[in-house]
Amino acid sequence: MAQIQIGINMEFVRHHDMSFAAGVEKAAQLGYEFIEPMVHWGRELMSEAGYFHTVSMFEDPLDIRAICAKYKVRCSSISAHTPLAKPDVSVNYLRSAIRFAAELQAPVVNTDEGIKPDFTDEATDHTLMTYTLTLATRAAEKRGILIGLEQHQQYSKTPDGLDKIYDLVKSKSLGINFDTGNAYLAGADPYAWLERCRDRLVHMHAKDISLKQSQDERGKVTGTPVGCACGEGVIDWRRIMDILKPVQRTICFSVECGTIDQAASSLDHLRSLI
């Protein structure tokens, strides 16, 4: 049976104007043992001033690791979403994220295909994604890092579409970061989809969707940044865990919600099911 960990994506403090370090402290206070930082290049005002939770890859990853150690949390992964069909952006960004993750001791780098160029067709996009993923997986294999492909955009909104991207390259470093909320909002059956890809699962975004958001957006969008508290929406978390029983590896449920209160409620609900 899968060994389930419960973590929190650092977006839970995005609307609370908190820095990364303050967010890590809050996650630990709530009882989380794992976090998922979001990384970026360069410098920008909001996180530099302490009002935003993202981490610059210009920082020393050992310093970020020290912050985590201070509050006794570990990184289940890092969020490094980038447009795979834009290799001029995504190749170096992903390779930077993979190197950063290796020093941070985060085992997974999560990404999705991102927004496509406006001047390419589908065949060209998949050729470009093949190039990007080939170079990214080569970097990941050397460092023992896993890449989690997430369903989030135009091609990965269906099980067949996600599989087509996954099958572009053959690499032991490539897996699936399954987002329950994105799968549901795209209009698919999230349970059947999870069963289909569970043997390739390396990480999970535990995202619940409120009934109102479901009524307003299901079948009209390909994803959403965060959901409601786990257990307060449409996703059956007991069923999700049952589907993963045959999986012989550790999987982190990284909660994606929008507030501190939702993070606390999500942890209580998921813990009650393990």
Foldseek 3Di string as FASTA:
>chain_A
DAAEAAAAELLQCLVVQAEQLVSLLLRLVLPHQEYEAEEDEDDDDSNVVGRGNHHYLVDQLVVVLVSSVVSNHAYQEYEQEDQLLPLVPQQVSLLSRLVSCLRNVHQEYEYENDDHDPPDDPVSSLVSNLVSVVSNLVSCVVRNHAYAYEFFDDQSQDLVSVVSSQPSDDHPRYAHAYEQQLNQQCPHDSLVSCLVRVQRHSEYADAFAAPVCSVVGRNNHRHDQGHFAPPRHDDDVLSVVVSNVVHDYYYYHHYGHHHSVSSSRNVVVNVVND
